[in-house]
Amino acid sequence: MKYLIFGNGWLGKKFQKYLLFSNTQMTDINISNKNQIKIAIDTYKPEIVINCAGKTGRPNIDWCEENKIATFSSNVIGPFNLAEICSKEGIKLVHLSSGCIYEGDNNCKGFSEEDKPNFFGSYYSKTKILAEEILSEFDVLQLRLRMPIDEQLGERSLVSKLLKYEKIISLPNSVTIIEDLLYAAKRLIDKEKTGIYNITNPGIITHEEIMNLYKEMVDPSLKFEIFSLEKMLKITKAERSNCILNTNKLQNEGIHLPEIHLRLREIFEEYKKNKKESEKALKHLKKVKKTKKN
């Protein structure tokens, strides 16, 4: 299979690495520009396009509130352009969507792919809702992820973001481990599936649980405080989605991801090893520098 990934950010690079042994190319062109898309398609002639391009905002989604044109162009117009062109060319399109279009746990059932969005508290979420509705008119595979966590401690990972804050909110959520997303995506692609799929690890977890586990396993010196959602909303421009997704549809395809608490323990064990190795390397480097000075 020949893959073309649109978007060379964190997730795009993750997909490129995962598909290392396939014929995979990546481009960072502006997907709101149809001509640029057509040139890329004509150049690489992919069988499958994966759209990892989009605006999530830096350092967070508050950015989208002040950059609505850029957000809309990337999150709505861009995906539509890709869907239209891929449809005409007979190319399969995989689009990374978001579960940040819901609020709550849907009476303990979790929100399924068929449930209507009920969260409109951020401009980012509004664009993701609109994009999903548009792409549902095409034969597109849409993958919803939530609060992604990486096996490496990268800056875009939820864990890295939480570590930057002295105060965090703590509400029940679904979470996606990126490496498990990649696995699930490839399985669905191989099965030639289309439509929307929730891709989160089974189980419900809070930010407090994540940080307590990190403190237990990686850094005992970690300190943080819990504050209320009401207080958080006083210092943010956009509301935040907190929700539980139902993954029965994914499991019915025979794709079973590891439970989130067990998976986090595996990941934090690796963080701990890497932390020790980094500290050891740093001590060695300081020792070498000291020897050279003497």
C-alpha atoms as a PDB file:
ATOM      1  CA  MET A   1       0.000   0.000   0.000  1.00  0.00           C
ATOM      2  CA  LYS A   2       1.153   3.525  -0.772  1.00  0.00           C
ATOM      3  CA  TYR A   3       0.361   5.998   2.004  1.00  0.00           C
ATOM      4  CA  LEU A   4       0.425   9.786   1.940  1.00  0.00           C
ATOM      5  CA  ILE A   5       0.228  11.532   5.305  1.00  0.00           C
ATOM      6  CA  PHE A   6      -0.966  15.136   5.408  1.00  0.00           C
ATOM      7  CA  GLY A   7       0.454  16.975   8.427  1.00  0.00           C
ATOM      8  CA  ASN A   8       4.021  16.551   9.665  1.00  0.00           C
ATOM      9  CA  GLY A   9       3.326  17.250  13.325  1.00  0.00           C
ATOM     10  CA  TRP A  10       3.395  14.910  16.310  1.00  0.00           C
ATOM     11  CA  LEU A  11       0.730  12.466  15.106  1.00  0.00           C
ATOM     12  CA  GLY A  12       1.817  12.594  11.483  1.00  0.00           C
ATOM     13  CA  LYS A  13       5.338  11.586  12.445  1.00  0.00           C
ATOM     14  CA  LYS A  14       3.971   8.826  14.675  1.00  0.00           C
ATOM     15  CA  PHE A  15       2.034   7.368  11.760  1.00  0.00           C
ATOM     16  CA  GLN A  16       5.042   7.688   9.464  1.00  0.00           C
ATOM     17  CA  LYS A  17       7.233   5.786  11.912  1.00  0.00           C
ATOM     18  CA  TYR A  18       4.575   3.111  12.475  1.00  0.00           C
ATOM     19  CA  LEU A  19       4.187   2.608   8.720  1.00  0.00           C
ATOM     20  CA  LEU A  20       7.961   2.598   8.242  1.00  0.00           C
ATOM     21  CA  PHE A  21       8.006  -0.593   6.189  1.00  0.00           C
ATOM     22  CA  SER A  22       5.210   0.560   3.892  1.00  0.00           C
ATOM     23  CA  ASN A  23       5.586   2.971   0.984  1.00  0.00           C
ATOM     24  CA  THR A  24       4.838   6.091   3.034  1.00  0.00           C
ATOM     25  CA  GLN A  25       5.308   9.769   2.201  1.00  0.00           C
ATOM     26  CA  MET A  26       4.515  12.867   4.245  1.00  0.00           C
ATOM     27  CA  THR A  27       3.609  16.407   3.255  1.00  0.00           C
ATOM     28  CA  ASP A  28       2.981  19.594   5.220  1.00  0.00           C
ATOM     29  CA  ILE A  29       1.120  21.485   2.494  1.00  0.00           C
ATOM     30  CA  ASN A  30      -1.846  23.715   3.319  1.00  0.00           C
ATOM     31  CA  ILE A  31      -4.879  21.427   3.011  1.00  0.00           C
ATOM     32  CA  SER A  32      -7.246  24.387   2.716  1.00  0.00           C
ATOM     33  CA  ASN A  33      -5.679  24.874  -0.737  1.00  0.00           C
ATOM     34  CA  LYS A  34      -7.150  22.388  -3.238  1.00  0.00           C
ATOM     35  CA  ASN A  35      -4.444  22.950  -5.829  1.00  0.00           C
ATOM     36  CA  GLN A  36      -1.710  22.036  -3.351  1.00  0.00           C
ATOM     37  CA  ILE A  37      -3.584  18.849  -2.450  1.00  0.00           C
ATOM     38  CA  LYS A  38      -3.989  17.900  -6.114  1.00  0.00           C
ATOM     39  CA  ILE A  39      -0.277  18.437  -6.774  1.00  0.00           C
ATOM     40  CA  ALA A  40       0.641  16.247  -3.783  1.00  0.00           C
ATOM     41  CA  ILE A  41      -1.784  13.517  -4.903  1.00  0.00           C
ATOM     42  CA  ASP A  42      -0.485  13.621  -8.483  1.00  0.00           C
ATOM     43  CA  THR A  43       3.120  13.549  -7.265  1.00  0.00           C
ATOM     44  CA  TYR A  44       2.905  10.674  -4.772  1.00  0.00           C
ATOM     45  CA  LYS A  45      -0.074   8.748  -6.231  1.00  0.00           C
ATOM     46  CA  PRO A  46      -1.182   7.246  -2.880  1.00  0.00           C
ATOM     47  CA  GLU A  47      -3.720   4.486  -2.388  1.00  0.00           C
ATOM     48  CA  ILE A  48      -4.459   5.680   1.159  1.00  0.00           C
ATOM     49  CA  VAL A  49      -4.370   9.228   2.538  1.00  0.00           C
ATOM     50  CA  ILE A  50      -4.116   9.839   6.291  1.00  0.00           C
ATOM     51  CA  ASN A  51      -5.067  13.327   7.442  1.00  0.00           C
ATOM     52  CA  CYS A  52      -3.146  14.324  10.563  1.00  0.00           C
ATOM     53  CA  ALA A  53      -3.286  18.039   9.751  1.00  0.00           C
ATOM     54  CA  GLY A  54      -5.369  20.316  11.935  1.00  0.00           C
ATOM     55  CA  LYS A  55      -5.286  23.062  14.512  1.00  0.00           C
ATOM     56  CA  THR A  56      -5.481  22.043  18.171  1.00  0.00           C
ATOM     57  CA  GLY A  57      -3.917  25.267  19.415  1.00  0.00           C
ATOM     58  CA  ARG A  58      -0.690  26.024  21.228  1.00  0.00           C
ATOM     59  CA  PRO A  59      -0.248  25.823  24.103  1.00  0.00           C
ATOM     60  CA  ASN A  60      -3.911  24.714  24.248  1.00  0.00           C
ATOM     61  CA  ILE A  61      -7.307  25.115  22.578  1.00  0.00           C
ATOM     62  CA  ASP A  62      -7.691  28.679  23.882  1.00  0.00           C
ATOM     63  CA  TRP A  63      -5.565  29.626  20.862  1.00  0.00           C
ATOM     64  CA  CYS A  64      -8.416  28.562  18.586  1.00  0.00           C
ATOM     65  CA  GLU A  65     -10.745  31.114  20.184  1.00  0.00           C
ATOM     66  CA  GLU A  66      -8.527  33.941  18.922  1.00  0.00           C
ATOM     67  CA  ASN A  67      -7.583  32.325  15.597  1.00  0.00           C
ATOM     68  CA  LYS A  68     -10.943  31.192  14.267  1.00  0.00           C
ATOM     69  CA  ILE A  69     -10.216  31.635  10.563  1.00  0.00           C
ATOM     70  CA  ALA A  70      -7.027  29.560  10.720  1.00  0.00           C
ATOM     71  CA  THR A  71      -8.772  26.938  12.857  1.00  0.00           C
ATOM     72  CA  PHE A  72     -11.788  26.692  10.537  1.00  0.00           C
ATOM     73  CA  SER A  73      -9.614  26.518   7.421  1.00  0.00           C
ATOM     74  CA  SER A  74      -7.510  23.687   8.801  1.00  0.00           C
ATOM     75  CA  ASN A  75     -10.176  21.734  10.705  1.00  0.00           C
ATOM     76  CA  VAL A  76     -13.156  22.064   8.356  1.00  0.00           C
ATOM     77  CA  ILE A  77     -12.241  23.302   4.874  1.00  0.00           C
ATOM     78  CA  GLY A  78      -9.085  21.176   4.703  1.00  0.00           C
ATOM     79  CA  PRO A  79     -10.757  17.836   5.540  1.00  0.00           C
ATOM     80  CA  PHE A  80     -13.584  18.614   3.090  1.00  0.00           C
ATOM     81  CA  ASN A  81     -11.052  19.316   0.330  1.00  0.00           C
ATOM     82  CA  LEU A  82      -9.285  16.028   1.038  1.00  0.00           C
ATOM     83  CA  ALA A  83     -12.547  14.073   1.098  1.00  0.00           C
ATOM     84  CA  GLU A  84     -13.750  15.585  -2.172  1.00  0.00           C
ATOM     85  CA  ILE A  85     -10.473  14.996  -4.022  1.00  0.00           C
ATOM     86  CA  CYS A  86      -9.908  11.501  -2.603  1.00  0.00           C
ATOM     87  CA  SER A  87     -13.473  10.551  -3.519  1.00  0.00           C
ATOM     88  CA  LYS A  88     -12.983  11.663  -7.124  1.00  0.00           C
ATOM     89  CA  GLU A  89      -9.620   9.881  -7.377  1.00  0.00           C
ATOM     90  CA  GLY A  90     -10.789   6.648  -5.733  1.00  0.00           C
ATOM     91  CA  ILE A  91      -8.361   7.052  -2.826  1.00  0.00           C
ATOM     92  CA  LYS A  92      -9.193   5.845   0.688  1.00  0.00           C
ATOM     93  CA  LEU A  93      -9.141   8.678   3.269  1.00  0.00           C
ATOM     94  CA  VAL A  94      -8.433   8.234   6.977  1.00  0.00           C
ATOM     95  CA  HIS A  95      -9.169  11.321   9.092  1.00  0.00           C
ATOM     96  CA  LEU A  96      -8.154  11.913  12.695  1.00  0.00           C
ATOM     97  CA  SER A  97     -11.138  13.293  14.548  1.00  0.00           C
ATOM     98  CA  SER A  98     -11.766  13.999  18.236  1.00  0.00           C
ATOM     99  CA  GLY A  99     -14.000  12.830  21.056  1.00  0.00           C
ATOM    100  CA  CYS A 100     -13.973  16.376  22.455  1.00  0.00           C
ATOM    101  CA  ILE A 101     -17.505  16.864  21.163  1.00  0.00           C
ATOM    102  CA  TYR A 102     -19.192  15.315  24.188  1.00  0.00           C
ATOM    103  CA  GLU A 103     -19.658  16.122  27.852  1.00  0.00           C
ATOM    104  CA  GLY A 104     -20.355  13.569  30.585  1.00  0.00           C
ATOM    105  CA  ASP A 105     -20.716   9.791  30.550  1.00  0.00           C
ATOM    106  CA  ASN A 106     -24.097   9.384  28.798  1.00  0.00           C
ATOM    107  CA  ASN A 107     -25.782   7.758  31.806  1.00  0.00           C
ATOM    108  CA  CYS A 108     -22.757   5.524  32.461  1.00  0.00           C
ATOM    109  CA  LYS A 109     -22.934   4.047  28.929  1.00  0.00           C
ATOM    110  CA  GLY A 110     -20.310   6.250  27.321  1.00  0.00           C
ATOM    111  CA  PHE A 111     -20.959   8.041  24.044  1.00  0.00           C
ATOM    112  CA  SER A 112     -21.136   5.844  20.970  1.00  0.00           C
ATOM    113  CA  GLU A 113     -20.389   6.795  17.390  1.00  0.00           C
ATOM    114  CA  GLU A 114     -24.117   7.265  16.773  1.00  0.00           C
ATOM    115  CA  ASP A 115     -24.715   9.727  19.626  1.00  0.00           C
ATOM    116  CA  LYS A 116     -25.187  13.366  18.679  1.00  0.00           C
ATOM    117  CA  PRO A 117     -22.575  15.819  20.020  1.00  0.00           C
ATOM    118  CA  ASN A 118     -23.595  17.651  23.185  1.00  0.00           C
ATOM    119  CA  PHE A 119     -20.535  19.832  23.833  1.00  0.00           C
ATOM    120  CA  PHE A 120     -20.213  23.209  22.133  1.00  0.00           C
ATOM    121  CA  GLY A 121     -18.085  25.027  24.707  1.00  0.00           C
ATOM    122  CA  SER A 122     -15.034  25.628  22.517  1.00  0.00           C
ATOM    123  CA  TYR A 123     -14.501  26.770  18.945  1.00  0.00           C
ATOM    124  CA  TYR A 124     -12.140  23.833  18.451  1.00  0.00           C
ATOM    125  CA  SER A 125     -14.928  21.375  19.318  1.00  0.00           C
ATOM    126  CA  LYS A 126     -17.376  23.157  17.029  1.00  0.00           C
ATOM    127  CA  THR A 127     -15.008  22.737  14.077  1.00  0.00           C
ATOM    128  CA  LYS A 128     -14.537  19.029  14.835  1.00  0.00           C
ATOM    129  CA  ILE A 129     -18.309  18.526  14.975  1.00  0.00           C
ATOM    130  CA  LEU A 130     -18.801  20.257  11.637  1.00  0.00           C
ATOM    131  CA  ALA A 131     -15.955  18.317   9.997  1.00  0.00           C
ATOM    132  CA  GLU A 132     -17.427  14.998  11.166  1.00  0.00           C
ATOM    133  CA  GLU A 133     -20.821  15.882   9.721  1.00  0.00           C
ATOM    134  CA  ILE A 134     -19.302  16.845   6.369  1.00  0.00           C
ATOM    135  CA  LEU A 135     -17.020  13.813   6.108  1.00  0.00           C
ATOM    136  CA  SER A 136     -19.891  11.482   6.989  1.00  0.00           C
ATOM    137  CA  GLU A 137     -21.238  12.250   3.501  1.00  0.00           C
ATOM    138  CA  PHE A 138     -18.165  10.500   2.054  1.00  0.00           C
ATOM    139  CA  ASP A 139     -16.674   7.008   2.465  1.00  0.00           C
ATOM    140  CA  VAL A 140     -14.110   8.180   5.007  1.00  0.00           C
ATOM    141  CA  LEU A 141     -12.657   6.346   8.003  1.00  0.00           C
ATOM    142  CA  GLN A 142     -12.855   8.801  10.920  1.00  0.00           C
ATOM    143  CA  LEU A 143     -10.924   7.980  14.081  1.00  0.00           C
ATOM    144  CA  ARG A 144     -11.901   9.751  17.303  1.00  0.00           C
ATOM    145  CA  LEU A 145      -9.178  10.026  19.918  1.00  0.00           C
ATOM    146  CA  ARG A 146      -9.204  11.609  23.366  1.00  0.00           C
ATOM    147  CA  MET A 147      -6.468  13.215  25.458  1.00  0.00           C
ATOM    148  CA  PRO A 148      -3.613  11.317  23.752  1.00  0.00           C
ATOM    149  CA  ILE A 149      -0.725   9.900  25.781  1.00  0.00           C
ATOM    150  CA  ASP A 150       2.561   8.871  24.188  1.00  0.00           C
ATOM    151  CA  GLU A 151       4.905   6.058  25.202  1.00  0.00           C
ATOM    152  CA  GLN A 152       7.597   8.747  25.031  1.00  0.00           C
ATOM    153  CA  LEU A 153       7.296  11.865  27.184  1.00  0.00           C
ATOM    154  CA  GLY A 154       6.718  14.276  24.273  1.00  0.00           C
ATOM    155  CA  GLU A 155       5.462  17.827  24.703  1.00  0.00           C
ATOM    156  CA  ARG A 156       2.082  17.118  23.064  1.00  0.00           C
ATOM    157  CA  SER A 157       1.308  14.156  25.310  1.00  0.00           C
ATOM    158  CA  LEU A 158      -1.337  14.643  28.020  1.00  0.00           C
ATOM    159  CA  VAL A 159       1.147  13.635  30.726  1.00  0.00           C
ATOM    160  CA  SER A 160       3.631  16.322  29.651  1.00  0.00           C
ATOM    161  CA  LYS A 161       0.869  18.921  29.628  1.00  0.00           C
ATOM    162  CA  LEU A 162      -0.306  17.975  33.129  1.00  0.00           C
ATOM    163  CA  LEU A 163       3.248  18.127  34.466  1.00  0.00           C
ATOM    164  CA  LYS A 164       3.465  21.789  33.428  1.00  0.00           C
ATOM    165  CA  TYR A 165       0.623  22.818  35.716  1.00  0.00           C
ATOM    166  CA  GLU A 166       0.728  23.297  39.470  1.00  0.00           C
ATOM    167  CA  LYS A 167      -3.064  23.005  39.590  1.00  0.00           C
ATOM    168  CA  ILE A 168      -5.189  20.586  37.566  1.00  0.00           C
ATOM    169  CA  ILE A 169      -8.856  19.664  37.330  1.00  0.00           C
ATOM    170  CA  SER A 170      -9.780  16.038  37.883  1.00  0.00           C
ATOM    171  CA  LEU A 171     -12.840  14.629  36.149  1.00  0.00           C
ATOM    172  CA  PRO A 172     -13.536  11.186  34.641  1.00  0.00           C
ATOM    173  CA  ASN A 173     -12.333  10.856  31.049  1.00  0.00           C
ATOM    174  CA  SER A 174     -11.499   8.437  28.280  1.00  0.00           C
ATOM    175  CA  VAL A 175      -7.878   8.467  27.121  1.00  0.00           C
ATOM    176  CA  THR A 176      -6.060   7.292  23.986  1.00  0.00           C
ATOM    177  CA  ILE A 177      -2.603   5.740  24.059  1.00  0.00           C
ATOM    178  CA  ILE A 178      -1.048   6.787  20.747  1.00  0.00           C
ATOM    179  CA  GLU A 179       0.672   3.486  20.036  1.00  0.00           C
ATOM    180  CA  ASP A 180      -2.661   1.696  20.506  1.00  0.00           C
ATOM    181  CA  LEU A 181      -4.338   4.197  18.185  1.00  0.00           C
ATOM    182  CA  LEU A 182      -1.772   3.371  15.483  1.00  0.00           C
ATOM    183  CA  TYR A 183      -2.427  -0.343  15.895  1.00  0.00           C
ATOM    184  CA  ALA A 184      -6.209   0.097  15.754  1.00  0.00           C
ATOM    185  CA  ALA A 185      -5.986   2.424  12.756  1.00  0.00           C
ATOM    186  CA  LYS A 186      -3.909  -0.074  10.762  1.00  0.00           C
ATOM    187  CA  ARG A 187      -6.314  -2.906  11.613  1.00  0.00           C
ATOM    188  CA  LEU A 188      -9.304  -0.848  10.447  1.00  0.00           C
ATOM    189  CA  ILE A 189      -7.486   0.196   7.271  1.00  0.00           C
ATOM    190  CA  ASP A 190      -6.648  -3.432   6.509  1.00  0.00           C
ATOM    191  CA  LYS A 191     -10.317  -4.312   7.042  1.00  0.00           C
ATOM    192  CA  GLU A 192     -11.249  -1.509   4.587  1.00  0.00           C
ATOM    193  CA  LYS A 193     -13.612   0.037   7.134  1.00  0.00           C
ATOM    194  CA  THR A 194     -15.232   3.447   6.776  1.00  0.00           C
ATOM    195  CA  GLY A 195     -17.332   5.537   9.146  1.00  0.00           C
ATOM    196  CA  ILE A 196     -16.604   6.798  12.652  1.00  0.00           C
ATOM    197  CA  TYR A 197     -14.769   4.781  15.312  1.00  0.00           C
ATOM    198  CA  ASN A 198     -14.009   5.760  18.912  1.00  0.00           C
ATOM    199  CA  ILE A 199     -10.365   4.856  19.559  1.00  0.00           C
ATOM    200  CA  THR A 200      -9.770   5.047  23.310  1.00  0.00           C
ATOM    201  CA  ASN A 201      -8.374   2.544  25.764  1.00  0.00           C
ATOM    202  CA  PRO A 202     -11.065   0.798  27.847  1.00  0.00           C
ATOM    203  CA  GLY A 203     -11.576   2.182  31.332  1.00  0.00           C
ATOM    204  CA  ILE A 204     -12.191   5.555  32.936  1.00  0.00           C
ATOM    205  CA  ILE A 205      -9.465   7.651  34.512  1.00  0.00           C
ATOM    206  CA  THR A 206      -8.995  11.123  36.029  1.00  0.00           C
ATOM    207  CA  HIS A 207      -6.076  13.524  35.774  1.00  0.00           C
ATOM    208  CA  GLU A 208      -5.491  13.081  39.493  1.00  0.00           C
ATOM    209  CA  GLU A 209      -5.145   9.315  39.044  1.00  0.00           C
ATOM    210  CA  ILE A 210      -2.672   9.833  36.202  1.00  0.00           C
ATOM    211  CA  MET A 211      -0.509  12.210  38.217  1.00  0.00           C
ATOM    212  CA  ASN A 212      -0.654  10.064  41.366  1.00  0.00           C
ATOM    213  CA  LEU A 213       0.480   7.057  39.344  1.00  0.00           C
ATOM    214  CA  TYR A 214       3.269   9.132  37.790  1.00  0.00           C
ATOM    215  CA  LYS A 215       4.312  10.251  41.264  1.00  0.00           C
ATOM    216  CA  GLU A 216       4.269   6.674  42.538  1.00  0.00           C
ATOM    217  CA  MET A 217       6.228   5.182  39.654  1.00  0.00           C
ATOM    218  CA  VAL A 218       8.368   7.937  38.128  1.00  0.00           C
ATOM    219  CA  ASP A 219       8.871  11.004  40.305  1.00  0.00           C
ATOM    220  CA  PRO A 220       8.051  10.848  44.045  1.00  0.00           C
ATOM    221  CA  SER A 221       8.886  14.560  44.371  1.00  0.00           C
ATOM    222  CA  LEU A 222       6.003  15.600  42.110  1.00  0.00           C
ATOM    223  CA  LYS A 223       3.606  18.098  43.666  1.00  0.00           C
ATOM    224  CA  PHE A 224       0.275  19.281  42.302  1.00  0.00           C
ATOM    225  CA  GLU A 225      -3.066  20.612  43.496  1.00  0.00           C
ATOM    226  CA  ILE A 226      -6.616  19.869  42.407  1.00  0.00           C
ATOM    227  CA  PHE A 227      -8.901  22.795  41.703  1.00  0.00           C
ATOM    228  CA  SER A 228     -12.496  22.989  40.539  1.00  0.00           C
ATOM    229  CA  LEU A 229     -13.812  23.233  37.006  1.00  0.00           C
ATOM    230  CA  GLU A 230     -15.513  26.475  37.982  1.00  0.00           C
ATOM    231  CA  LYS A 231     -12.193  28.039  38.975  1.00  0.00           C
ATOM    232  CA  MET A 232     -10.527  26.796  35.806  1.00  0.00           C
ATOM    233  CA  LEU A 233     -13.207  28.387  33.625  1.00  0.00           C
ATOM    234  CA  LYS A 234     -12.378  31.756  35.163  1.00  0.00           C
ATOM    235  CA  ILE A 235      -8.863  31.648  33.709  1.00  0.00           C
ATOM    236  CA  THR A 236      -9.496  29.986  30.323  1.00  0.00           C
ATOM    237  CA  LYS A 237     -11.058  31.371  27.157  1.00  0.00           C
ATOM    238  CA  ALA A 238     -12.735  28.109  26.168  1.00  0.00           C
ATOM    239  CA  GLU A 239     -14.534  25.404  28.100  1.00  0.00           C
ATOM    240  CA  ARG A 240     -12.996  21.933  28.261  1.00  0.00           C
ATOM    241  CA  SER A 241     -14.680  18.690  27.259  1.00  0.00           C
ATOM    242  CA  ASN A 242     -14.684  15.890  29.831  1.00  0.00           C
ATOM    243  CA  CYS A 243     -16.328  12.728  28.586  1.00  0.00           C
ATOM    244  CA  ILE A 244     -16.417   8.950  28.342  1.00  0.00           C
ATOM    245  CA  LEU A 245     -16.488   7.239  24.948  1.00  0.00           C
ATOM    246  CA  ASN A 246     -18.009   3.835  24.247  1.00  0.00           C
ATOM    247  CA  THR A 247     -15.700   1.519  22.258  1.00  0.00           C
ATOM    248  CA  ASN A 248     -18.058  -1.411  21.624  1.00  0.00           C
ATOM    249  CA  LYS A 249     -17.994  -0.766  17.871  1.00  0.00           C
ATOM    250  CA  LEU A 250     -14.201  -1.123  17.791  1.00  0.00           C
ATOM    251  CA  GLN A 251     -14.300  -4.260  19.932  1.00  0.00           C
ATOM    252  CA  ASN A 252     -16.955  -5.770  17.665  1.00  0.00           C
ATOM    253  CA  GLU A 253     -14.346  -5.585  14.904  1.00  0.00           C
ATOM    254  CA  GLY A 254     -12.131  -7.835  17.029  1.00  0.00           C
ATOM    255  CA  ILE A 255      -9.838  -4.951  17.987  1.00  0.00           C
ATOM    256  CA  HIS A 256      -9.249  -4.994  21.738  1.00  0.00           C
ATOM    257  CA  LEU A 257      -6.978  -2.362  23.282  1.00  0.00           C
ATOM    258  CA  PRO A 258      -5.369  -2.683  26.751  1.00  0.00           C
ATOM    259  CA  GLU A 259      -7.190  -1.256  29.787  1.00  0.00           C
ATOM    260  CA  ILE A 260      -5.990   2.285  30.513  1.00  0.00           C
ATOM    261  CA  HIS A 261      -4.748   1.799  34.105  1.00  0.00           C
ATOM    262  CA  LEU A 262      -2.709  -1.279  33.165  1.00  0.00           C
ATOM    263  CA  ARG A 263      -1.390   0.455  30.049  1.00  0.00           C
ATOM    264  CA  LEU A 264      -0.296   3.524  31.988  1.00  0.00           C
ATOM    265  CA  ARG A 265       1.656   1.352  34.406  1.00  0.00           C
ATOM    266  CA  GLU A 266       3.536  -0.142  31.452  1.00  0.00           C
ATOM    267  CA  ILE A 267       4.248   3.295  30.025  1.00  0.00           C
ATOM    268  CA  PHE A 268       5.333   4.824  33.331  1.00  0.00           C
ATOM    269  CA  GLU A 269       7.665   1.889  33.904  1.00  0.00           C
ATOM    270  CA  GLU A 270       9.396   2.896  30.659  1.00  0.00           C
ATOM    271  CA  TYR A 271       9.401   6.560  31.733  1.00  0.00           C
ATOM    272  CA  LYS A 272      11.105   5.480  34.956  1.00  0.00           C
ATOM    273  CA  LYS A 273      13.794   3.509  33.097  1.00  0.00           C
ATOM    274  CA  ASN A 274      14.418   6.365  30.678  1.00  0.00           C
ATOM    275  CA  LYS A 275      14.586   8.852  33.559  1.00  0.00           C
ATOM    276  CA  LYS A 276      17.228   6.772  35.314  1.00  0.00           C
ATOM    277  CA  GLU A 277      19.213   6.372  32.098  1.00  0.00           C
ATOM    278  CA  SER A 278      19.043  10.123  31.425  1.00  0.00           C
ATOM    279  CA  GLU A 279      20.173  10.938  34.961  1.00  0.00           C
ATOM    280  CA  LYS A 280      22.999   8.414  34.657  1.00  0.00           C
ATOM    281  CA  ALA A 281      24.113   9.876  31.319  1.00  0.00           C
ATOM    282  CA  LEU A 282      23.982  13.406  32.744  1.00  0.00           C
ATOM    283  CA  LYS A 283      26.137  12.415  35.725  1.00  0.00           C
ATOM    284  CA  HIS A 284      28.640  10.769  33.370  1.00  0.00           C
ATOM    285  CA  LEU A 285      28.723  13.892  31.184  1.00  0.00           C
ATOM    286  CA  LYS A 286      29.376  16.127  34.201  1.00  0.00           C
ATOM    287  CA  LYS A 287      32.129  13.763  35.331  1.00  0.00           C
ATOM    288  CA  VAL A 288      33.780  13.858  31.880  1.00  0.00           C
ATOM    289  CA  LYS A 289      33.616  17.665  31.776  1.00  0.00           C
ATOM    290  CA  LYS A 290      35.144  17.879  35.249  1.00  0.00           C
ATOM    291  CA  THR A 291      37.973  15.507  34.238  1.00  0.00           C
ATOM    292  CA  LYS A 292      38.736  17.602  31.133  1.00  0.00           C
ATOM    293  CA  LYS A 293      38.934  20.770  33.208  1.00  0.00           C
ATOM    294  CA  ASN A 294      41.425  19.137  35.563  1.00  0.00           C
END
